[in-house]
PDB file of N, CA and C in Angstrom:
ATOM      1  N   MET A   1     -19.565  -0.532 -28.530  1.00  0.00           N
ATOM      2  CA  MET A   1     -18.555   0.513 -28.491  1.00  0.00           C
ATOM      3  C   MET A   1     -17.257  -0.082 -27.938  1.00  0.00           C
ATOM      4  N   GLU A   2     -16.188   0.145 -28.633  1.00  0.00           N
ATOM      5  CA  GLU A   2     -14.908  -0.382 -28.188  1.00  0.00           C
ATOM      6  C   GLU A   2     -14.385   0.448 -26.997  1.00  0.00           C
ATOM      7  N   LEU A   3     -13.482  -0.179 -26.295  1.00  0.00           N
ATOM      8  CA  LEU A   3     -12.907   0.442 -25.102  1.00  0.00           C
ATOM      9  C   LEU A   3     -12.123   1.727 -25.458  1.00  0.00           C
ATOM     10  N   SER A   4     -11.424   1.715 -26.582  1.00  0.00           N
ATOM     11  CA  SER A   4     -10.668   2.918 -26.962  1.00  0.00           C
ATOM     12  C   SER A   4     -11.605   4.084 -27.354  1.00  0.00           C
ATOM     13  N   GLN A   5     -12.739   3.758 -27.924  1.00  0.00           N
ATOM     14  CA  GLN A   5     -13.694   4.825 -28.247  1.00  0.00           C
ATOM     15  C   GLN A   5     -14.319   5.417 -26.976  1.00  0.00           C
ATOM     16  N   LEU A   6     -14.584   4.523 -26.031  1.00  0.00           N
ATOM     17  CA  LEU A   6     -15.135   5.006 -24.750  1.00  0.00           C
ATOM     18  C   LEU A   6     -14.136   5.843 -24.014  1.00  0.00           C
ATOM     19  N   ALA A   7     -12.849   5.463 -24.041  1.00  0.00           N
ATOM     20  CA  ALA A   7     -11.782   6.249 -23.415  1.00  0.00           C
ATOM     21  C   ALA A   7     -11.697   7.637 -24.072  1.00  0.00           C
ATOM     22  N   ARG A   8     -11.759   7.703 -25.366  1.00  0.00           N
ATOM     23  CA  ARG A   8     -11.672   8.967 -26.099  1.00  0.00           C
ATOM     24  C   ARG A   8     -12.877   9.836 -25.714  1.00  0.00           C
ATOM     25  N   LEU A   9     -14.067   9.257 -25.637  1.00  0.00           N
ATOM     26  CA  LEU A   9     -15.275   9.984 -25.272  1.00  0.00           C
ATOM     27  C   LEU A   9     -15.148  10.556 -23.863  1.00  0.00           C
ATOM     28  N   LEU A  10     -14.619   9.765 -22.939  1.00  0.00           N
ATOM     29  CA  LEU A  10     -14.465  10.214 -21.542  1.00  0.00           C
ATOM     30  C   LEU A  10     -13.442  11.343 -21.448  1.00  0.00           C
ATOM     31  N   VAL A  11     -12.387  11.256 -22.215  1.00  0.00           N
ATOM     32  CA  VAL A  11     -11.358  12.354 -22.203  1.00  0.00           C
ATOM     33  C   VAL A  11     -11.976  13.634 -22.781  1.00  0.00           C
ATOM     34  N   LEU A  12     -12.702  13.519 -23.873  1.00  0.00           N
ATOM     35  CA  LEU A  12     -13.355  14.710 -24.440  1.00  0.00           C
ATOM     36  C   LEU A  12     -14.400  15.305 -23.528  1.00  0.00           C
ATOM     37  N   ALA A  13     -15.128  14.452 -22.838  1.00  0.00           N
ATOM     38  CA  ALA A  13     -16.106  14.966 -21.878  1.00  0.00           C
ATOM     39  C   ALA A  13     -15.401  15.681 -20.726  1.00  0.00           C
ATOM     40  N   GLY A  14     -14.307  15.151 -20.259  1.00  0.00           N
ATOM     41  CA  GLY A  14     -13.512  15.766 -19.216  1.00  0.00           C
ATOM     42  C   GLY A  14     -12.961  17.124 -19.622  1.00  0.00           C
ATOM     43  N   VAL A  15     -12.472  17.219 -20.864  1.00  0.00           N
ATOM     44  CA  VAL A  15     -11.926  18.466 -21.352  1.00  0.00           C
ATOM     45  C   VAL A  15     -13.075  19.482 -21.485  1.00  0.00           C
ATOM     46  N   ALA A  16     -14.236  19.032 -21.957  1.00  0.00           N
ATOM     47  CA  ALA A  16     -15.369  19.927 -22.105  1.00  0.00           C
ATOM     48  C   ALA A  16     -15.852  20.454 -20.751  1.00  0.00           C
ATOM     49  N   LEU A  17     -15.878  19.578 -19.752  1.00  0.00           N
ATOM     50  CA  LEU A  17     -16.274  20.000 -18.407  1.00  0.00           C
ATOM     51  C   LEU A  17     -15.263  20.986 -17.796  1.00  0.00           C
ATOM     52  N   ALA A  18     -13.985  20.729 -18.047  1.00  0.00           N
ATOM     53  CA  ALA A  18     -12.954  21.627 -17.533  1.00  0.00           C
ATOM     54  C   ALA A  18     -13.049  22.994 -18.184  1.00  0.00           C
ATOM     55  N   GLY A  19     -13.326  23.012 -19.492  1.00  0.00           N
ATOM     56  CA  GLY A  19     -13.508  24.266 -20.228  1.00  0.00           C
ATOM     57  C   GLY A  19     -14.718  25.012 -19.727  1.00  0.00           C
ATOM     58  N   LEU A  20     -15.804  24.330 -19.475  1.00  0.00           N
ATOM     59  CA  LEU A  20     -17.018  24.946 -18.950  1.00  0.00           C
ATOM     60  C   LEU A  20     -16.772  25.504 -17.555  1.00  0.00           C
ATOM     61  N   GLY A  21     -16.046  24.783 -16.727  1.00  0.00           N
ATOM     62  CA  GLY A  21     -15.711  25.253 -15.389  1.00  0.00           C
ATOM     63  C   GLY A  21     -14.850  26.514 -15.470  1.00  0.00           C
ATOM     64  N   ALA A  22     -13.880  26.520 -16.358  1.00  0.00           N
ATOM     65  CA  ALA A  22     -13.009  27.712 -16.489  1.00  0.00           C
ATOM     66  C   ALA A  22     -13.816  28.908 -16.983  1.00  0.00           C
ATOM     67  N   LEU A  23     -14.739  28.667 -17.924  1.00  0.00           N
ATOM     68  CA  LEU A  23     -15.593  29.761 -18.419  1.00  0.00           C
ATOM     69  C   LEU A  23     -16.464  30.341 -17.302  1.00  0.00           C
ATOM     70  N   LEU A  24     -17.043  29.429 -16.497  1.00  0.00           N
ATOM     71  CA  LEU A  24     -17.848  29.911 -15.365  1.00  0.00           C
ATOM     72  C   LEU A  24     -17.024  30.669 -14.337  1.00  0.00           C
ATOM     73  N   TRP A  25     -15.817  30.208 -14.113  1.00  0.00           N
ATOM     74  CA  TRP A  25     -14.934  30.861 -13.179  1.00  0.00           C
ATOM     75  C   TRP A  25     -14.601  32.306 -13.674  1.00  0.00           C
ATOM     76  N   VAL A  26     -14.319  32.454 -14.993  1.00  0.00           N
ATOM     77  CA  VAL A  26     -13.993  33.758 -15.525  1.00  0.00           C
ATOM     78  C   VAL A  26     -15.224  34.670 -15.500  1.00  0.00           C
ATOM     79  N   LEU A  27     -16.385  34.136 -15.840  1.00  0.00           N
ATOM     80  CA  LEU A  27     -17.610  34.915 -15.834  1.00  0.00           C
ATOM     81  C   LEU A  27     -17.971  35.378 -14.456  1.00  0.00           C
ATOM     82  N   THR A  28     -17.749  34.499 -13.444  1.00  0.00           N
ATOM     83  CA  THR A  28     -18.018  34.899 -12.056  1.00  0.00           C
ATOM     84  C   THR A  28     -17.088  36.057 -11.652  1.00  0.00           C
ATOM     85  N   GLY A  29     -15.843  36.003 -12.078  1.00  0.00           N
ATOM     86  CA  GLY A  29     -14.907  37.072 -11.805  1.00  0.00           C
ATOM     87  C   GLY A  29     -15.298  38.378 -12.426  1.00  0.00           C
ATOM     88  N   LEU A  30     -16.007  38.316 -13.577  1.00  0.00           N
ATOM     89  CA  LEU A  30     -16.454  39.513 -14.267  1.00  0.00           C
ATOM     90  C   LEU A  30     -17.756  40.064 -13.689  1.00  0.00           C
ATOM     91  N   GLY A  31     -18.367  39.381 -12.736  1.00  0.00           N
ATOM     92  CA  GLY A  31     -19.584  39.878 -12.091  1.00  0.00           C
ATOM     93  C   GLY A  31     -20.890  39.251 -12.545  1.00  0.00           C
ATOM     94  N   VAL A  32     -20.778  38.302 -13.508  1.00  0.00           N
ATOM     95  CA  VAL A  32     -21.988  37.596 -13.942  1.00  0.00           C
ATOM     96  C   VAL A  32     -22.455  36.740 -12.784  1.00  0.00           C
ATOM     97  N   GLY A  33     -23.710  36.825 -12.440  1.00  0.00           N
ATOM     98  CA  GLY A  33     -24.262  36.149 -11.254  1.00  0.00           C
ATOM     99  C   GLY A  33     -24.592  37.149 -10.191  1.00  0.00           C
ATOM    100  N   ARG A  34     -24.162  38.373 -10.345  1.00  0.00           N
ATOM    101  CA  ARG A  34     -24.506  39.436  -9.419  1.00  0.00           C
ATOM    102  C   ARG A  34     -24.991  40.637 -10.219  1.00  0.00           C
ATOM    103  N   LEU A  35     -25.685  40.385 -11.326  1.00  0.00           N
ATOM    104  CA  LEU A  35     -26.181  41.440 -12.163  1.00  0.00           C
ATOM    105  C   LEU A  35     -27.434  42.081 -11.594  1.00  0.00           C
ATOM    106  N   PRO A  36     -27.741  43.315 -12.012  1.00  0.00           N
ATOM    107  CA  PRO A  36     -29.020  43.891 -11.616  1.00  0.00           C
ATOM    108  C   PRO A  36     -30.171  42.967 -12.127  1.00  0.00           C
ATOM    109  N   GLY A  37     -31.154  42.699 -11.310  1.00  0.00           N
ATOM    110  CA  GLY A  37     -32.183  41.787 -11.694  1.00  0.00           C
ATOM    111  C   GLY A  37     -32.029  40.396 -11.088  1.00  0.00           C
ATOM    112  N   ASP A  38     -30.843  40.084 -10.558  1.00  0.00           N
ATOM    113  CA  ASP A  38     -30.649  38.817  -9.844  1.00  0.00           C
ATOM    114  C   ASP A  38     -31.171  38.987  -8.462  1.00  0.00           C
ATOM    115  N   LEU A  39     -32.121  38.167  -8.068  1.00  0.00           N
ATOM    116  CA  LEU A  39     -32.786  38.289  -6.787  1.00  0.00           C
ATOM    117  C   LEU A  39     -32.166  37.314  -5.793  1.00  0.00           C
ATOM    118  N   SER A  40     -31.965  37.784  -4.555  1.00  0.00           N
ATOM    119  CA  SER A  40     -31.436  36.928  -3.483  1.00  0.00           C
ATOM    120  C   SER A  40     -32.202  37.234  -2.236  1.00  0.00           C
ATOM    121  N   PHE A  41     -32.769  36.166  -1.657  1.00  0.00           N
ATOM    122  CA  PHE A  41     -33.554  36.298  -0.418  1.00  0.00           C
ATOM    123  C   PHE A  41     -32.930  35.377   0.616  1.00  0.00           C
ATOM    124  N   GLY A  42     -32.898  35.814   1.826  1.00  0.00           N
ATOM    125  CA  GLY A  42     -32.342  34.977   2.886  1.00  0.00           C
ATOM    126  C   GLY A  42     -33.033  35.232   4.216  1.00  0.00           C
ATOM    127  N   ARG A  43     -33.224  34.171   4.979  1.00  0.00           N
ATOM    128  CA  ARG A  43     -33.740  34.277   6.342  1.00  0.00           C
ATOM    129  C   ARG A  43     -33.230  33.104   7.139  1.00  0.00           C
ATOM    130  N   GLY A  44     -32.506  33.442   8.178  1.00  0.00           N
ATOM    131  CA  GLY A  44     -31.901  32.360   8.987  1.00  0.00           C
ATOM    132  C   GLY A  44     -30.820  31.657   8.197  1.00  0.00           C
ATOM    133  N   ASN A  45     -30.950  30.351   8.083  1.00  0.00           N
ATOM    134  CA  ASN A  45     -29.944  29.578   7.303  1.00  0.00           C
ATOM    135  C   ASN A  45     -30.517  29.090   5.998  1.00  0.00           C
ATOM    136  N   VAL A  46     -31.570  29.765   5.494  1.00  0.00           N
ATOM    137  CA  VAL A  46     -32.139  29.411   4.174  1.00  0.00           C
ATOM    138  C   VAL A  46     -31.861  30.594   3.243  1.00  0.00           C
ATOM    139  N   ARG A  47     -31.327  30.293   2.049  1.00  0.00           N
ATOM    140  CA  ARG A  47     -31.010  31.323   1.086  1.00  0.00           C
ATOM    141  C   ARG A  47     -31.581  30.885  -0.278  1.00  0.00           C
ATOM    142  N   VAL A  48     -32.274  31.788  -0.939  1.00  0.00           N
ATOM    143  CA  VAL A  48     -32.871  31.549  -2.270  1.00  0.00           C
ATOM    144  C   VAL A  48     -32.262  32.563  -3.227  1.00  0.00           C
ATOM    145  N   PHE A  49     -31.723  32.071  -4.340  1.00  0.00           N
ATOM    146  CA  PHE A  49     -31.110  32.921  -5.337  1.00  0.00           C
ATOM    147  C   PHE A  49     -31.792  32.688  -6.668  1.00  0.00           C
ATOM    148  N   VAL A  50     -32.361  33.739  -7.297  1.00  0.00           N
ATOM    149  CA  VAL A  50     -33.042  33.643  -8.594  1.00  0.00           C
ATOM    150  C   VAL A  50     -32.309  34.555  -9.553  1.00  0.00           C
ATOM    151  N   PRO A  51     -31.488  33.985 -10.469  1.00  0.00           N
ATOM    152  CA  PRO A  51     -30.666  34.813 -11.324  1.00  0.00           C
ATOM    153  C   PRO A  51     -31.401  35.276 -12.622  1.00  0.00           C
ATOM    154  N   LEU A  52     -32.394  36.125 -12.488  1.00  0.00           N
ATOM    155  CA  LEU A  52     -33.184  36.563 -13.622  1.00  0.00           C
ATOM    156  C   LEU A  52     -32.344  37.398 -14.604  1.00  0.00           C
ATOM    157  N   GLY A  53     -31.547  38.315 -14.116  1.00  0.00           N
ATOM    158  CA  GLY A  53     -30.706  39.142 -14.998  1.00  0.00           C
ATOM    159  C   GLY A  53     -29.687  38.289 -15.738  1.00  0.00           C
ATOM    160  N   THR A  54     -29.082  37.334 -15.035  1.00  0.00           N
ATOM    161  CA  THR A  54     -28.075  36.478 -15.655  1.00  0.00           C
ATOM    162  C   THR A  54     -28.720  35.579 -16.699  1.00  0.00           C
ATOM    163  N   MET A  55     -29.888  35.045 -16.412  1.00  0.00           N
ATOM    164  CA  MET A  55     -30.600  34.184 -17.412  1.00  0.00           C
ATOM    165  C   MET A  55     -30.958  34.994 -18.638  1.00  0.00           C
ATOM    166  N   LEU A  56     -31.397  36.233 -18.484  1.00  0.00           N
ATOM    167  CA  LEU A  56     -31.777  37.070 -19.593  1.00  0.00           C
ATOM    168  C   LEU A  56     -30.553  37.341 -20.477  1.00  0.00           C
ATOM    169  N   LEU A  57     -29.436  37.733 -19.824  1.00  0.00           N
ATOM    170  CA  LEU A  57     -28.203  38.006 -20.579  1.00  0.00           C
ATOM    171  C   LEU A  57     -27.696  36.775 -21.297  1.00  0.00           C
ATOM    172  N   LEU A  58     -27.706  35.626 -20.646  1.00  0.00           N
ATOM    173  CA  LEU A  58     -27.270  34.387 -21.249  1.00  0.00           C
ATOM    174  C   LEU A  58     -28.147  34.010 -22.444  1.00  0.00           C
ATOM    175  N   SER A  59     -29.455  34.182 -22.303  1.00  0.00           N
ATOM    176  CA  SER A  59     -30.396  33.883 -23.392  1.00  0.00           C
ATOM    177  C   SER A  59     -30.131  34.738 -24.620  1.00  0.00           C
ATOM    178  N   ILE A  60     -29.897  36.022 -24.390  1.00  0.00           N
ATOM    179  CA  ILE A  60     -29.639  36.936 -25.530  1.00  0.00           C
ATOM    180  C   ILE A  60     -28.331  36.574 -26.195  1.00  0.00           C
ATOM    181  N   VAL A  61     -27.275  36.369 -25.438  1.00  0.00           N
ATOM    182  CA  VAL A  61     -25.950  36.018 -25.997  1.00  0.00           C
ATOM    183  C   VAL A  61     -26.017  34.726 -26.766  1.00  0.00           C
ATOM    184  N   LEU A  62     -26.617  33.675 -26.193  1.00  0.00           N
ATOM    185  CA  LEU A  62     -26.708  32.407 -26.903  1.00  0.00           C
ATOM    186  C   LEU A  62     -27.595  32.480 -28.125  1.00  0.00           C
ATOM    187  N   THR A  63     -28.674  33.234 -28.098  1.00  0.00           N
ATOM    188  CA  THR A  63     -29.544  33.390 -29.281  1.00  0.00           C
ATOM    189  C   THR A  63     -28.787  34.090 -30.424  1.00  0.00           C
ATOM    190  N   VAL A  64     -28.065  35.114 -30.128  1.00  0.00           N
ATOM    191  CA  VAL A  64     -27.260  35.816 -31.184  1.00  0.00           C
ATOM    192  C   VAL A  64     -26.185  34.894 -31.692  1.00  0.00           C
ATOM    193  N   ALA A  65     -25.473  34.210 -30.809  1.00  0.00           N
ATOM    194  CA  ALA A  65     -24.376  33.339 -31.234  1.00  0.00           C
ATOM    195  C   ALA A  65     -24.894  32.192 -32.106  1.00  0.00           C
ATOM    196  N   LEU A  66     -25.981  31.544 -31.707  1.00  0.00           N
ATOM    197  CA  LEU A  66     -26.492  30.432 -32.485  1.00  0.00           C
ATOM    198  C   LEU A  66     -27.077  30.911 -33.811  1.00  0.00           C
ATOM    199  N   ASN A  67     -27.690  32.082 -33.843  1.00  0.00           N
ATOM    200  CA  ASN A  67     -28.212  32.613 -35.099  1.00  0.00           C
ATOM    201  C   ASN A  67     -27.061  32.918 -36.060  1.00  0.00           C
ATOM    202  N   LEU A  68     -25.950  33.422 -35.534  1.00  0.00           N
ATOM    203  CA  LEU A  68     -24.818  33.682 -36.422  1.00  0.00           C
ATOM    204  C   LEU A  68     -24.132  32.403 -36.909  1.00  0.00           C
ATOM    205  N   LEU A  69     -24.059  31.417 -36.019  1.00  0.00           N
ATOM    206  CA  LEU A  69     -23.391  30.170 -36.406  1.00  0.00           C
ATOM    207  C   LEU A  69     -24.219  29.268 -37.303  1.00  0.00           C
ATOM    208  N   LEU A  70     -25.535  29.273 -37.115  1.00  0.00           N
ATOM    209  CA  LEU A  70     -26.365  28.336 -37.846  1.00  0.00           C
ATOM    210  C   LEU A  70     -27.100  28.985 -39.009  1.00  0.00           C
ATOM    211  N   ARG A  71     -26.755  30.235 -39.307  1.00  0.00           N
ATOM    212  CA  ARG A  71     -27.357  30.918 -40.450  1.00  0.00           C
ATOM    213  C   ARG A  71     -26.910  30.277 -41.756  1.00  0.00           C
ATOM    214  N   ARG A  72     -27.831  30.068 -42.669  1.00  0.00           N
ATOM    215  CA  ARG A  72     -27.479  29.438 -43.954  1.00  0.00           C
ATOM    216  C   ARG A  72     -27.753  30.366 -45.101  1.00  0.00           C
TER     217      ARG A  72
END
């Protein structure tokens, strides 16, 4: 792999990570991550967070999106 191809790949990976970060930031502002069904337990300085509702919503949205995009 040439150095220019590696540089292009790194720039694209950086842009993709920035886009993913922005998407997560927006979704957090909309309340995703604190949905009904998201479990949070804490005792002392130990905290456990199990995002069951968020995982279910994300699974449904991605399933529908991929079925629409990959339908032939």
